[in-house]
Amino acid sequence: RAVAVATSRSPMAPAPAPAPAPSSPAATSFLPASCAATNALDACYNLLLPYVDTFHGNLARVARAAAAIAGARQRDFAGELGRLKLRGTGAGKVADMTLADCFNEVSTSNLFANETLGHIDNLVGRLGSREDFDSQRVLAQELLYSTESGLMQCVDWFHGAGEADVSSPVGKEVIDGCTTVSAYVDIALMLVNAIKF
C-alpha cells in the first residue's frame, strides 16, 4: 500500500529535518536505490536525505535511521495523545474511551522502539551467523509490524465508535496522527524487509 508522510505544520506533523550537508555522488545515489525498496520512494528519500553521509553503502544503516525517526515520531505522538486524553474528545464517553485505548496502544508499543533499534544495530554490524542475522531481522520486522498494526487499530477503533467520533476535531487529529506515524513505521519496515545477509 502507498503511504504519504505528512508535511503540514499541525501539532502532529514532523519537525523539519536538519538541512543536508554536501554529500558525495555515491552517497546520494545510494539513498534512492535503498528507498526503492519502499512504496514511498519520495517520502523515504526526503526523510533520510539529511543523514545520507552516515549510511556508508549499508542498507541496514538506512533502515536504522528510518526506525529511529519513526520511534521519535511515535514517542511525540504518544505525548500528544496523553495531552488530548487529559482534555477529552468533547464527543462523549465512547470517544473518550477510544482515545484512552489509543493512548495505551501507542504508548505501550513505543516501549519497544529501543529494542527494535537494538535488533537493527545487530543487522548493521552483521554479527554472528546467517541464522543469527535472520533471527534479528525477524524480531525487528515483528516489532515494527506490531507497531504499525497498533496505530491502524486505533484508526479502526475511531471508525467503529461512530461518525460523530471520527468527525470530531480530536478524532480527526488522532486519525491523522496515527496515519502519519504509521507511514514512518512502514518505511522503516520495508527497509528492514530488504536487508540481506
N, C-alpha and C. Protein backbone atom coordinates (compact mmCIF):
# COMPACT_ATOMS: atom_id res chain seq x y z
N ARG A 1 0.84 -1.18 0.00
CA ARG A 1 0.00 0.00 0.00
C ARG A 1 0.87 1.23 0.00
N ALA A 2 0.41 2.27 -0.61
CA ALA A 2 1.20 3.51 -0.68
C ALA A 2 1.01 4.28 0.61
N VAL A 3 2.04 4.96 1.03
CA VAL A 3 1.96 5.79 2.22
C VAL A 3 2.45 7.18 1.89
N ALA A 4 1.94 8.14 2.63
CA ALA A 4 2.41 9.51 2.46
C ALA A 4 2.80 10.04 3.82
N VAL A 5 3.85 10.78 3.89
CA VAL A 5 4.31 11.37 5.14
C VAL A 5 3.81 12.80 5.18
N ALA A 6 3.18 13.17 6.30
CA ALA A 6 2.59 14.50 6.42
C ALA A 6 3.65 15.57 6.33
N THR A 7 3.27 16.67 5.71
CA THR A 7 4.19 17.80 5.63
C THR A 7 3.57 19.07 6.20
N SER A 8 2.32 19.01 6.65
CA SER A 8 1.68 20.20 7.21
C SER A 8 2.31 20.53 8.55
N ARG A 9 1.99 21.69 9.08
CA ARG A 9 2.56 22.10 10.37
C ARG A 9 1.52 21.92 11.48
N SER A 10 0.71 20.88 11.42
CA SER A 10 -0.21 20.58 12.51
C SER A 10 0.59 20.16 13.72
N PRO A 11 -0.03 20.09 14.91
CA PRO A 11 0.72 19.69 16.10
C PRO A 11 1.36 18.31 15.97
N MET A 12 0.81 17.46 15.12
CA MET A 12 1.35 16.11 14.97
C MET A 12 2.26 15.97 13.76
N ALA A 13 2.43 17.02 13.00
CA ALA A 13 3.32 16.93 11.84
C ALA A 13 4.76 16.88 12.32
N PRO A 14 5.61 16.20 11.56
CA PRO A 14 7.00 16.09 11.99
C PRO A 14 7.73 17.42 11.92
N ALA A 15 8.69 17.58 12.80
CA ALA A 15 9.55 18.75 12.72
C ALA A 15 10.44 18.62 11.50
N PRO A 16 10.78 19.73 10.86
CA PRO A 16 11.63 19.62 9.68
C PRO A 16 12.99 19.03 10.04
N ALA A 17 13.51 18.22 9.15
CA ALA A 17 14.83 17.61 9.36
C ALA A 17 15.91 18.66 9.15
N PRO A 18 17.09 18.44 9.72
CA PRO A 18 18.17 19.40 9.50
C PRO A 18 18.55 19.45 8.03
N ALA A 19 19.08 20.58 7.62
CA ALA A 19 19.49 20.73 6.22
C ALA A 19 20.61 19.74 5.91
N PRO A 20 20.52 19.07 4.75
CA PRO A 20 21.56 18.10 4.43
C PRO A 20 22.90 18.76 4.16
N ALA A 21 23.95 18.08 4.58
CA ALA A 21 25.31 18.54 4.30
C ALA A 21 25.68 18.11 2.89
N PRO A 22 26.67 18.75 2.29
CA PRO A 22 27.11 18.31 0.97
C PRO A 22 27.52 16.84 1.03
N SER A 23 27.08 16.08 0.05
CA SER A 23 27.33 14.64 0.04
C SER A 23 28.05 14.23 -1.22
N SER A 24 28.71 13.09 -1.13
CA SER A 24 29.36 12.54 -2.32
C SER A 24 28.29 12.00 -3.26
N PRO A 25 28.57 11.96 -4.57
CA PRO A 25 27.60 11.41 -5.51
C PRO A 25 27.24 9.96 -5.18
N ALA A 26 28.20 9.17 -4.71
CA ALA A 26 27.92 7.77 -4.37
C ALA A 26 26.93 7.68 -3.22
N ALA A 27 27.12 8.52 -2.20
CA ALA A 27 26.21 8.51 -1.05
C ALA A 27 24.82 8.94 -1.47
N THR A 28 24.76 9.97 -2.31
CA THR A 28 23.47 10.48 -2.75
C THR A 28 22.75 9.50 -3.65
N SER A 29 23.46 8.76 -4.48
CA SER A 29 22.80 7.79 -5.36
C SER A 29 22.41 6.52 -4.61
N PHE A 30 23.09 6.21 -3.50
CA PHE A 30 22.75 5.03 -2.72
C PHE A 30 21.37 5.16 -2.08
N LEU A 31 21.01 6.36 -1.64
CA LEU A 31 19.74 6.55 -0.94
C LEU A 31 18.53 6.24 -1.81
N PRO A 32 18.43 6.76 -3.06
CA PRO A 32 17.25 6.39 -3.85
C PRO A 32 17.19 4.90 -4.15
N ALA A 33 18.35 4.29 -4.33
CA ALA A 33 18.37 2.84 -4.56
C ALA A 33 17.83 2.11 -3.33
N SER A 34 18.17 2.60 -2.15
CA SER A 34 17.66 2.00 -0.91
C SER A 34 16.16 2.24 -0.77
N CYS A 35 15.73 3.46 -1.02
CA CYS A 35 14.32 3.82 -0.86
C CYS A 35 13.43 3.15 -1.89
N ALA A 36 14.02 2.64 -2.97
CA ALA A 36 13.24 1.91 -3.97
C ALA A 36 12.62 0.65 -3.38
N ALA A 37 13.13 0.20 -2.24
CA ALA A 37 12.57 -0.97 -1.56
C ALA A 37 11.24 -0.65 -0.88
N THR A 38 10.89 0.63 -0.81
CA THR A 38 9.65 1.04 -0.13
C THR A 38 8.58 1.37 -1.17
N ASN A 39 7.36 1.57 -0.67
CA ASN A 39 6.26 2.03 -1.53
C ASN A 39 6.15 3.55 -1.51
N ALA A 40 7.12 4.19 -0.89
CA ALA A 40 7.07 5.65 -0.72
C ALA A 40 8.45 6.23 -1.00
N LEU A 41 8.94 6.03 -2.21
CA LEU A 41 10.31 6.40 -2.55
C LEU A 41 10.60 7.87 -2.24
N ASP A 42 9.74 8.77 -2.68
CA ASP A 42 9.99 10.20 -2.47
C ASP A 42 9.98 10.56 -0.98
N ALA A 43 8.99 10.05 -0.25
CA ALA A 43 8.92 10.34 1.18
C ALA A 43 10.13 9.77 1.91
N CYS A 44 10.53 8.57 1.56
CA CYS A 44 11.71 7.93 2.15
C CYS A 44 12.96 8.76 1.86
N TYR A 45 13.13 9.14 0.62
CA TYR A 45 14.31 9.91 0.22
C TYR A 45 14.38 11.25 0.97
N ASN A 46 13.26 11.97 0.99
CA ASN A 46 13.24 13.28 1.65
C ASN A 46 13.46 13.16 3.16
N LEU A 47 12.92 12.11 3.74
CA LEU A 47 13.06 11.88 5.17
C LEU A 47 14.51 11.60 5.56
N LEU A 48 15.20 10.81 4.74
CA LEU A 48 16.52 10.31 5.11
C LEU A 48 17.69 11.08 4.48
N LEU A 49 17.41 11.97 3.55
CA LEU A 49 18.47 12.72 2.88
C LEU A 49 19.41 13.44 3.85
N PRO A 50 18.91 14.05 4.93
CA PRO A 50 19.84 14.73 5.84
C PRO A 50 20.87 13.80 6.49
N TYR A 51 20.62 12.51 6.43
CA TYR A 51 21.51 11.54 7.10
C TYR A 51 22.32 10.72 6.10
N VAL A 52 22.30 11.10 4.83
CA VAL A 52 22.86 10.28 3.76
C VAL A 52 24.34 9.95 3.97
N ASP A 53 25.09 10.86 4.55
CA ASP A 53 26.53 10.62 4.73
C ASP A 53 26.84 9.65 5.87
N THR A 54 25.82 9.20 6.58
CA THR A 54 26.05 8.24 7.68
C THR A 54 25.80 6.80 7.26
N PHE A 55 25.33 6.58 6.03
CA PHE A 55 24.92 5.23 5.63
C PHE A 55 26.07 4.36 5.13
N HIS A 56 27.06 4.96 4.50
CA HIS A 56 28.26 4.24 4.03
C HIS A 56 27.92 2.99 3.21
N GLY A 57 26.89 3.10 2.37
CA GLY A 57 26.52 1.98 1.50
C GLY A 57 25.90 0.80 2.22
N ASN A 58 25.40 1.01 3.43
CA ASN A 58 24.86 -0.09 4.24
C ASN A 58 23.35 0.11 4.40
N LEU A 59 22.55 -0.76 3.78
CA LEU A 59 21.10 -0.64 3.83
C LEU A 59 20.57 -0.75 5.27
N ALA A 60 21.24 -1.54 6.09
CA ALA A 60 20.80 -1.65 7.49
C ALA A 60 20.92 -0.31 8.21
N ARG A 61 21.93 0.49 7.86
CA ARG A 61 22.05 1.83 8.46
C ARG A 61 20.89 2.73 8.02
N VAL A 62 20.47 2.58 6.77
CA VAL A 62 19.32 3.35 6.27
C VAL A 62 18.07 2.95 7.06
N ALA A 63 17.89 1.64 7.22
CA ALA A 63 16.72 1.15 7.96
C ALA A 63 16.76 1.61 9.41
N ARG A 64 17.95 1.64 10.00
CA ARG A 64 18.07 2.07 11.39
C ARG A 64 17.69 3.54 11.54
N ALA A 65 18.15 4.37 10.61
CA ALA A 65 17.80 5.79 10.66
C ALA A 65 16.29 5.96 10.53
N ALA A 66 15.68 5.23 9.61
CA ALA A 66 14.23 5.32 9.43
C ALA A 66 13.49 4.85 10.68
N ALA A 67 13.97 3.77 11.29
CA ALA A 67 13.32 3.26 12.51
C ALA A 67 13.49 4.23 13.67
N ALA A 68 14.65 4.88 13.77
CA ALA A 68 14.88 5.86 14.83
C ALA A 68 13.94 7.06 14.67
N ILE A 69 13.77 7.51 13.44
CA ILE A 69 12.86 8.63 13.18
C ILE A 69 11.43 8.21 13.49
N ALA A 70 11.04 7.01 13.06
CA ALA A 70 9.69 6.52 13.34
C ALA A 70 9.44 6.42 14.84
N GLY A 71 10.43 5.92 15.58
CA GLY A 71 10.29 5.82 17.03
C GLY A 71 10.14 7.18 17.70
N ALA A 72 10.90 8.16 17.22
CA ALA A 72 10.80 9.51 17.77
C ALA A 72 9.43 10.12 17.47
N ARG A 73 8.93 9.91 16.26
CA ARG A 73 7.60 10.43 15.90
C ARG A 73 6.52 9.75 16.74
N GLN A 74 6.69 8.45 16.96
CA GLN A 74 5.72 7.72 17.77
C GLN A 74 5.74 8.22 19.22
N ARG A 75 6.91 8.46 19.75
CA ARG A 75 7.03 8.98 21.12
C ARG A 75 6.36 10.36 21.23
N ASP A 76 6.60 11.23 20.25
CA ASP A 76 5.96 12.54 20.24
C ASP A 76 4.44 12.41 20.15
N PHE A 77 3.99 11.48 19.32
CA PHE A 77 2.56 11.26 19.13
C PHE A 77 1.93 10.72 20.42
N ALA A 78 2.62 9.82 21.11
CA ALA A 78 2.11 9.31 22.38
C ALA A 78 1.95 10.45 23.38
N GLY A 79 2.90 11.38 23.40
CA GLY A 79 2.78 12.55 24.27
C GLY A 79 1.59 13.40 23.91
N GLU A 80 1.37 13.59 22.61
CA GLU A 80 0.22 14.37 22.16
C GLU A 80 -1.09 13.67 22.53
N LEU A 81 -1.14 12.34 22.38
CA LEU A 81 -2.34 11.60 22.77
C LEU A 81 -2.60 11.74 24.27
N GLY A 82 -1.53 11.74 25.07
CA GLY A 82 -1.68 11.93 26.51
C GLY A 82 -2.29 13.28 26.83
N ARG A 83 -1.86 14.32 26.14
CA ARG A 83 -2.43 15.66 26.36
C ARG A 83 -3.89 15.70 25.92
N LEU A 84 -4.18 15.08 24.76
CA LEU A 84 -5.57 15.04 24.29
C LEU A 84 -6.46 14.26 25.26
N LYS A 85 -5.93 13.19 25.80
CA LYS A 85 -6.68 12.36 26.75
C LYS A 85 -7.07 13.16 27.99
N LEU A 86 -6.17 14.00 28.47
CA LEU A 86 -6.47 14.83 29.64
C LEU A 86 -7.60 15.82 29.35
N ARG A 87 -7.64 16.34 28.13
CA ARG A 87 -8.69 17.30 27.74
C ARG A 87 -10.00 16.61 27.42
N GLY A 88 -9.91 15.38 26.89
CA GLY A 88 -11.11 14.69 26.42
C GLY A 88 -11.41 15.07 24.99
N THR A 89 -12.25 14.28 24.37
CA THR A 89 -12.54 14.49 22.95
C THR A 89 -13.63 15.52 22.73
N GLY A 90 -14.49 15.71 23.73
CA GLY A 90 -15.65 16.58 23.52
C GLY A 90 -16.73 15.90 22.71
N ALA A 91 -16.54 14.61 22.41
CA ALA A 91 -17.52 13.88 21.59
C ALA A 91 -18.21 12.78 22.38
N GLY A 92 -18.05 12.78 23.70
CA GLY A 92 -18.77 11.80 24.52
C GLY A 92 -17.88 10.71 25.09
N LYS A 93 -18.52 9.86 25.91
CA LYS A 93 -17.81 8.83 26.66
C LYS A 93 -17.14 7.80 25.76
N VAL A 94 -17.83 7.35 24.71
CA VAL A 94 -17.26 6.33 23.83
C VAL A 94 -16.00 6.86 23.15
N ALA A 95 -16.05 8.09 22.68
CA ALA A 95 -14.87 8.68 22.03
C ALA A 95 -13.73 8.84 23.03
N ASP A 96 -14.05 9.23 24.26
CA ASP A 96 -13.01 9.37 25.29
C ASP A 96 -12.37 8.02 25.61
N MET A 97 -13.18 6.97 25.69
CA MET A 97 -12.64 5.63 25.94
C MET A 97 -11.78 5.16 24.77
N THR A 98 -12.21 5.47 23.56
CA THR A 98 -11.44 5.10 22.38
C THR A 98 -10.10 5.82 22.38
N LEU A 99 -10.11 7.10 22.72
CA LEU A 99 -8.87 7.87 22.82
C LEU A 99 -7.94 7.27 23.88
N ALA A 100 -8.49 6.89 25.02
CA ALA A 100 -7.68 6.28 26.08
C ALA A 100 -7.07 4.97 25.59
N ASP A 101 -7.85 4.17 24.86
CA ASP A 101 -7.32 2.91 24.32
C ASP A 101 -6.19 3.18 23.32
N CYS A 102 -6.37 4.19 22.49
CA CYS A 102 -5.32 4.54 21.51
C CYS A 102 -4.06 5.00 22.23
N PHE A 103 -4.22 5.82 23.24
CA PHE A 103 -3.06 6.28 24.01
C PHE A 103 -2.31 5.08 24.59
N ASN A 104 -3.05 4.14 25.19
CA ASN A 104 -2.41 2.96 25.78
C ASN A 104 -1.69 2.13 24.71
N GLU A 105 -2.32 1.95 23.56
CA GLU A 105 -1.72 1.15 22.48
C GLU A 105 -0.43 1.80 21.97
N VAL A 106 -0.49 3.08 21.68
CA VAL A 106 0.68 3.78 21.11
C VAL A 106 1.80 3.87 22.15
N SER A 107 1.45 4.17 23.38
CA SER A 107 2.47 4.28 24.44
C SER A 107 3.14 2.93 24.70
N THR A 108 2.35 1.87 24.75
CA THR A 108 2.89 0.54 25.01
C THR A 108 3.81 0.09 23.89
N SER A 109 3.37 0.26 22.65
CA SER A 109 4.22 -0.20 21.54
C SER A 109 5.48 0.63 21.42
N ASN A 110 5.44 1.89 21.88
CA ASN A 110 6.64 2.72 21.82
C ASN A 110 7.70 2.27 22.81
N LEU A 111 7.31 1.51 23.81
CA LEU A 111 8.28 0.97 24.76
C LEU A 111 9.29 0.05 24.08
N PHE A 112 8.91 -0.48 22.91
CA PHE A 112 9.77 -1.43 22.20
C PHE A 112 10.63 -0.76 21.12
N ALA A 113 10.57 0.57 21.03
CA ALA A 113 11.33 1.26 19.98
C ALA A 113 12.83 1.02 20.13
N ASN A 114 13.34 1.10 21.35
CA ASN A 114 14.78 0.87 21.55
C ASN A 114 15.17 -0.57 21.29
N GLU A 115 14.28 -1.50 21.63
CA GLU A 115 14.54 -2.91 21.33
C GLU A 115 14.63 -3.12 19.82
N THR A 116 13.73 -2.48 19.09
CA THR A 116 13.76 -2.57 17.63
C THR A 116 15.10 -2.07 17.10
N LEU A 117 15.54 -0.92 17.60
CA LEU A 117 16.82 -0.36 17.16
C LEU A 117 17.97 -1.30 17.50
N GLY A 118 17.90 -1.96 18.64
CA GLY A 118 18.94 -2.92 19.01
C GLY A 118 19.03 -4.07 18.02
N HIS A 119 17.89 -4.57 17.59
CA HIS A 119 17.90 -5.66 16.59
C HIS A 119 18.48 -5.16 15.27
N ILE A 120 18.11 -3.94 14.88
CA ILE A 120 18.64 -3.40 13.62
C ILE A 120 20.13 -3.12 13.75
N ASP A 121 20.58 -2.68 14.92
CA ASP A 121 22.02 -2.48 15.14
C ASP A 121 22.79 -3.78 14.88
N ASN A 122 22.22 -4.90 15.28
CA ASN A 122 22.86 -6.19 15.02
C ASN A 122 22.92 -6.50 13.53
N LEU A 123 21.96 -5.97 12.77
CA LEU A 123 21.99 -6.14 11.31
C LEU A 123 23.06 -5.24 10.70
N VAL A 124 23.22 -4.04 11.26
CA VAL A 124 24.25 -3.12 10.78
C VAL A 124 25.63 -3.75 10.94
N GLY A 125 25.87 -4.33 12.11
CA GLY A 125 27.18 -4.92 12.39
C GLY A 125 27.37 -6.31 11.82
N ARG A 126 26.28 -6.91 11.33
CA ARG A 126 26.33 -8.28 10.79
C ARG A 126 27.06 -9.23 11.73
N LEU A 127 26.67 -9.18 12.99
CA LEU A 127 27.31 -10.02 14.00
C LEU A 127 26.71 -11.43 13.96
N GLY A 128 27.55 -12.43 14.07
CA GLY A 128 27.08 -13.80 14.16
C GLY A 128 26.85 -14.45 12.81
N SER A 129 26.15 -15.57 12.87
CA SER A 129 25.90 -16.39 11.68
C SER A 129 24.71 -15.84 10.89
N ARG A 130 24.46 -16.46 9.75
CA ARG A 130 23.29 -16.10 8.95
C ARG A 130 22.02 -16.34 9.74
N GLU A 131 22.01 -17.42 10.51
CA GLU A 131 20.84 -17.74 11.33
C GLU A 131 20.61 -16.64 12.37
N ASP A 132 21.67 -16.16 13.00
CA ASP A 132 21.56 -15.05 13.95
C ASP A 132 21.04 -13.79 13.26
N PHE A 133 21.58 -13.52 12.08
CA PHE A 133 21.18 -12.36 11.29
C PHE A 133 19.68 -12.43 10.97
N ASP A 134 19.26 -13.59 10.46
CA ASP A 134 17.85 -13.76 10.10
C ASP A 134 16.94 -13.61 11.32
N SER A 135 17.39 -14.12 12.46
CA SER A 135 16.61 -14.00 13.69
C SER A 135 16.46 -12.54 14.11
N GLN A 136 17.54 -11.77 14.03
CA GLN A 136 17.49 -10.35 14.39
C GLN A 136 16.57 -9.58 13.44
N ARG A 137 16.63 -9.92 12.16
CA ARG A 137 15.77 -9.24 11.18
C ARG A 137 14.30 -9.55 11.46
N VAL A 138 13.99 -10.81 11.73
CA VAL A 138 12.61 -11.20 12.01
C VAL A 138 12.09 -10.48 13.26
N LEU A 139 12.91 -10.39 14.29
CA LEU A 139 12.48 -9.70 15.52
C LEU A 139 12.21 -8.22 15.24
N ALA A 140 13.07 -7.57 14.47
CA ALA A 140 12.84 -6.16 14.11
C ALA A 140 11.57 -6.03 13.28
N GLN A 141 11.37 -6.93 12.32
CA GLN A 141 10.17 -6.89 11.48
C GLN A 141 8.91 -7.04 12.33
N GLU A 142 8.94 -8.00 13.26
CA GLU A 142 7.76 -8.24 14.09
C GLU A 142 7.42 -7.03 14.95
N LEU A 143 8.43 -6.40 15.52
CA LEU A 143 8.17 -5.22 16.36
C LEU A 143 7.64 -4.06 15.53
N LEU A 144 8.22 -3.83 14.37
CA LEU A 144 7.73 -2.74 13.51
C LEU A 144 6.32 -3.03 13.01
N TYR A 145 6.07 -4.27 12.61
CA TYR A 145 4.74 -4.64 12.12
C TYR A 145 3.70 -4.47 13.23
N SER A 146 4.05 -4.89 14.45
CA SER A 146 3.14 -4.76 15.58
C SER A 146 2.83 -3.30 15.87
N THR A 147 3.84 -2.45 15.78
CA THR A 147 3.64 -1.02 15.99
C THR A 147 2.69 -0.45 14.95
N GLU A 148 2.95 -0.78 13.68
CA GLU A 148 2.10 -0.26 12.61
C GLU A 148 0.67 -0.78 12.76
N SER A 149 0.52 -2.05 13.11
CA SER A 149 -0.82 -2.62 13.29
C SER A 149 -1.57 -1.91 14.41
N GLY A 150 -0.86 -1.62 15.51
CA GLY A 150 -1.49 -0.92 16.63
C GLY A 150 -1.98 0.46 16.24
N LEU A 151 -1.18 1.17 15.46
CA LEU A 151 -1.59 2.50 15.01
C LEU A 151 -2.84 2.43 14.14
N MET A 152 -2.87 1.47 13.24
CA MET A 152 -4.03 1.36 12.36
C MET A 152 -5.25 0.81 13.11
N GLN A 153 -4.99 0.05 14.18
CA GLN A 153 -6.09 -0.41 15.02
C GLN A 153 -6.77 0.78 15.69
N CYS A 154 -6.00 1.77 16.09
CA CYS A 154 -6.59 3.00 16.66
C CYS A 154 -7.53 3.67 15.66
N VAL A 155 -7.10 3.73 14.41
CA VAL A 155 -7.95 4.31 13.37
C VAL A 155 -9.24 3.51 13.27
N ASP A 156 -9.12 2.19 13.25
CA ASP A 156 -10.31 1.33 13.17
C ASP A 156 -11.23 1.54 14.38
N TRP A 157 -10.63 1.69 15.57
CA TRP A 157 -11.45 1.91 16.77
C TRP A 157 -12.26 3.20 16.65
N PHE A 158 -11.64 4.26 16.15
CA PHE A 158 -12.38 5.51 16.00
C PHE A 158 -13.48 5.37 14.97
N HIS A 159 -13.20 4.70 13.86
CA HIS A 159 -14.25 4.49 12.86
C HIS A 159 -15.37 3.63 13.44
N GLY A 160 -15.02 2.64 14.25
CA GLY A 160 -16.02 1.77 14.86
C GLY A 160 -16.85 2.47 15.92
N ALA A 161 -16.32 3.53 16.50
CA ALA A 161 -17.03 4.26 17.55
C ALA A 161 -18.17 5.11 17.00
N GLY A 162 -18.15 5.40 15.72
CA GLY A 162 -19.24 6.16 15.12
C GLY A 162 -18.77 7.41 14.40
N GLU A 163 -19.64 7.91 13.55
CA GLU A 163 -19.31 9.07 12.71
C GLU A 163 -19.02 10.31 13.53
N ALA A 164 -19.73 10.49 14.64
CA ALA A 164 -19.50 11.68 15.47
C ALA A 164 -18.08 11.69 16.02
N ASP A 165 -17.58 10.51 16.38
CA ASP A 165 -16.22 10.42 16.92
C ASP A 165 -15.18 10.67 15.83
N VAL A 166 -15.42 10.10 14.66
CA VAL A 166 -14.48 10.27 13.55
C VAL A 166 -14.42 11.72 13.10
N SER A 167 -15.57 12.38 13.08
CA SER A 167 -15.60 13.75 12.56
C SER A 167 -15.31 14.81 13.63
N SER A 168 -15.15 14.40 14.88
CA SER A 168 -14.80 15.38 15.91
C SER A 168 -13.37 15.87 15.67
N PRO A 169 -13.05 17.10 16.09
CA PRO A 169 -11.69 17.61 15.88
C PRO A 169 -10.61 16.69 16.47
N VAL A 170 -10.86 16.16 17.67
CA VAL A 170 -9.87 15.27 18.28
C VAL A 170 -9.79 13.96 17.51
N GLY A 171 -10.94 13.44 17.10
CA GLY A 171 -10.94 12.20 16.31
C GLY A 171 -10.14 12.36 15.04
N LYS A 172 -10.35 13.46 14.35
CA LYS A 172 -9.59 13.72 13.11
C LYS A 172 -8.10 13.83 13.40
N GLU A 173 -7.76 14.50 14.50
CA GLU A 173 -6.35 14.68 14.85
C GLU A 173 -5.69 13.33 15.16
N VAL A 174 -6.41 12.48 15.89
CA VAL A 174 -5.86 11.16 16.23
C VAL A 174 -5.69 10.32 14.98
N ILE A 175 -6.69 10.30 14.13
CA ILE A 175 -6.62 9.51 12.90
C ILE A 175 -5.49 10.00 12.01
N ASP A 176 -5.37 11.32 11.86
CA ASP A 176 -4.27 11.88 11.06
C ASP A 176 -2.91 11.51 11.67
N GLY A 177 -2.81 11.62 12.99
CA GLY A 177 -1.56 11.29 13.66
C GLY A 177 -1.19 9.83 13.50
N CYS A 178 -2.16 8.94 13.68
CA CYS A 178 -1.91 7.50 13.50
C CYS A 178 -1.46 7.20 12.08
N THR A 179 -2.11 7.81 11.12
CA THR A 179 -1.78 7.57 9.72
C THR A 179 -0.38 8.08 9.40
N THR A 180 -0.04 9.25 9.93
CA THR A 180 1.28 9.83 9.69
C THR A 180 2.39 8.98 10.30
N VAL A 181 2.24 8.63 11.57
CA VAL A 181 3.27 7.83 12.24
C VAL A 181 3.37 6.46 11.59
N SER A 182 2.24 5.90 11.21
CA SER A 182 2.25 4.60 10.53
C SER A 182 3.05 4.66 9.24
N ALA A 183 3.00 5.78 8.54
CA ALA A 183 3.77 5.93 7.30
C ALA A 183 5.27 5.87 7.58
N TYR A 184 5.71 6.49 8.67
CA TYR A 184 7.13 6.42 9.04
C TYR A 184 7.53 4.99 9.39
N VAL A 185 6.69 4.32 10.16
CA VAL A 185 6.98 2.94 10.56
C VAL A 185 7.01 2.04 9.33
N ASP A 186 6.10 2.28 8.40
CA ASP A 186 6.03 1.46 7.19
C ASP A 186 7.31 1.59 6.37
N ILE A 187 7.84 2.79 6.26
CA ILE A 187 9.11 2.99 5.54
C ILE A 187 10.21 2.19 6.22
N ALA A 188 10.30 2.27 7.54
CA ALA A 188 11.32 1.52 8.27
C ALA A 188 11.14 0.02 8.07
N LEU A 189 9.91 -0.46 8.13
CA LEU A 189 9.64 -1.89 7.97
C LEU A 189 10.05 -2.38 6.58
N MET A 190 9.69 -1.62 5.56
CA MET A 190 10.05 -2.05 4.20
C MET A 190 11.56 -2.05 3.99
N LEU A 191 12.25 -1.11 4.60
CA LEU A 191 13.72 -1.11 4.51
C LEU A 191 14.31 -2.31 5.23
N VAL A 192 13.79 -2.64 6.41
CA VAL A 192 14.27 -3.83 7.12
C VAL A 192 14.00 -5.08 6.29
N ASN A 193 12.83 -5.15 5.67
CA ASN A 193 12.50 -6.31 4.83
C ASN A 193 13.52 -6.52 3.72
N ALA A 194 14.13 -5.43 3.25
CA ALA A 194 15.05 -5.50 2.11
C ALA A 194 16.49 -5.85 2.50
N ILE A 195 16.80 -5.85 3.79
CA ILE A 195 18.18 -6.12 4.23
C ILE A 195 18.53 -7.58 3.98
N LYS A 196 19.67 -7.80 3.37
CA LYS A 196 20.16 -9.16 3.09
C LYS A 196 21.43 -9.42 3.88
N PHE A 197 21.70 -10.69 4.16
CA PHE A 197 22.91 -11.10 4.89
C PHE A 197 24.12 -10.88 4.01
